[in-house]
Protein backbone atom coordinates (compact mmCIF):
# COMPACT_ATOMS: atom_id res chain seq x y z
CA UNK A 1 232.78 284.19 54.79
CA UNK A 2 233.88 280.67 53.93
CA UNK A 3 232.30 280.53 50.47
CA UNK A 4 229.71 282.60 48.65
CA UNK A 5 226.97 280.43 50.17
CA UNK A 6 228.55 279.64 53.61
CA UNK A 7 229.29 281.95 56.52
CA UNK A 8 230.70 281.22 60.00
CA UNK A 9 229.66 283.56 62.80
CA UNK A 10 231.62 283.50 66.06
CA UNK A 11 230.76 285.77 68.98
CA UNK A 12 230.44 286.18 72.73
CA UNK A 13 226.82 286.33 73.95
CA UNK A 14 226.16 288.02 77.31
CA UNK A 15 222.63 287.43 78.59
CA UNK A 16 220.29 286.83 81.51
CA UNK A 17 217.74 284.05 81.31
CA UNK A 18 214.05 285.06 81.53
CA UNK A 19 212.89 284.95 85.13
CA UNK A 20 216.39 285.47 86.56
CA UNK A 21 216.58 287.86 89.51
CA UNK A 22 217.61 291.37 88.45
CA UNK A 23 220.80 291.15 90.51
CA UNK A 24 221.85 287.77 89.03
CA UNK A 25 225.14 288.03 87.16
CA UNK A 26 224.81 287.71 83.40
CA UNK A 27 225.80 284.47 81.74
CA UNK A 28 228.42 284.43 78.99
CA UNK A 29 228.63 281.98 76.12
CA UNK A 30 231.00 281.73 73.17
CA UNK A 31 228.97 280.76 70.10
CA UNK A 32 229.96 279.53 66.64
CA UNK A 33 227.29 279.13 63.97
CA UNK A 34 227.69 277.89 60.41
CA UNK A 35 225.08 279.25 58.00
CA UNK A 36 224.44 278.03 54.46
CA UNK A 37 222.37 279.69 51.75
CA UNK A 38 219.86 277.44 49.98
CA UNK A 39 217.18 278.34 47.42
CA UNK A 40 214.73 278.94 50.32
CA UNK A 41 217.15 281.23 52.21
CA UNK A 42 219.82 280.98 54.91
CA UNK A 43 219.81 277.96 57.25
CA UNK A 44 221.88 277.43 60.40
CA UNK A 45 223.46 274.02 59.67
CA UNK A 46 225.76 273.88 62.73
CA UNK A 47 225.93 275.64 66.09
CA UNK A 48 228.25 275.16 69.05
CA UNK A 49 228.04 276.96 72.44
CA UNK A 50 230.79 277.01 75.06
CA UNK A 51 230.21 278.54 78.51
CA UNK A 52 232.65 281.37 79.23
CA UNK A 53 234.09 282.31 82.61
CA UNK A 54 231.96 284.85 84.51
CA UNK A 55 232.98 288.45 83.88
CA UNK A 56 233.78 290.97 86.54
CA UNK A 57 231.09 293.61 87.11
CA UNK A 58 233.22 296.20 85.25
CA UNK A 59 233.40 294.09 82.07
CA UNK A 60 229.66 293.76 81.46
CA UNK A 61 227.52 296.87 80.85
CA UNK A 62 224.28 297.19 82.80
CA UNK A 63 221.38 295.53 80.95
CA UNK A 64 219.53 298.86 80.94
CA UNK A 65 222.44 300.71 79.35
CA UNK A 66 222.70 300.44 75.57
CA UNK A 67 225.68 301.49 73.55
CA UNK A 68 224.98 303.34 70.31
CA UNK A 69 228.51 303.21 68.90
């Protein structure tokens, strides 16, 4: 939280694009998003994506396996 009305989210997204072959390795992207609260609600006022190096097979869980931790 930067201020009461501004929040920065930073995370690693691991995903496969729609239409990708099932055996295609997942893509990884570091994402930073700045959100600001206005009278109408929260608005994403800035976003930046940076491609991450591919992960080894052991680092990325199978897309069909969900963690419930």
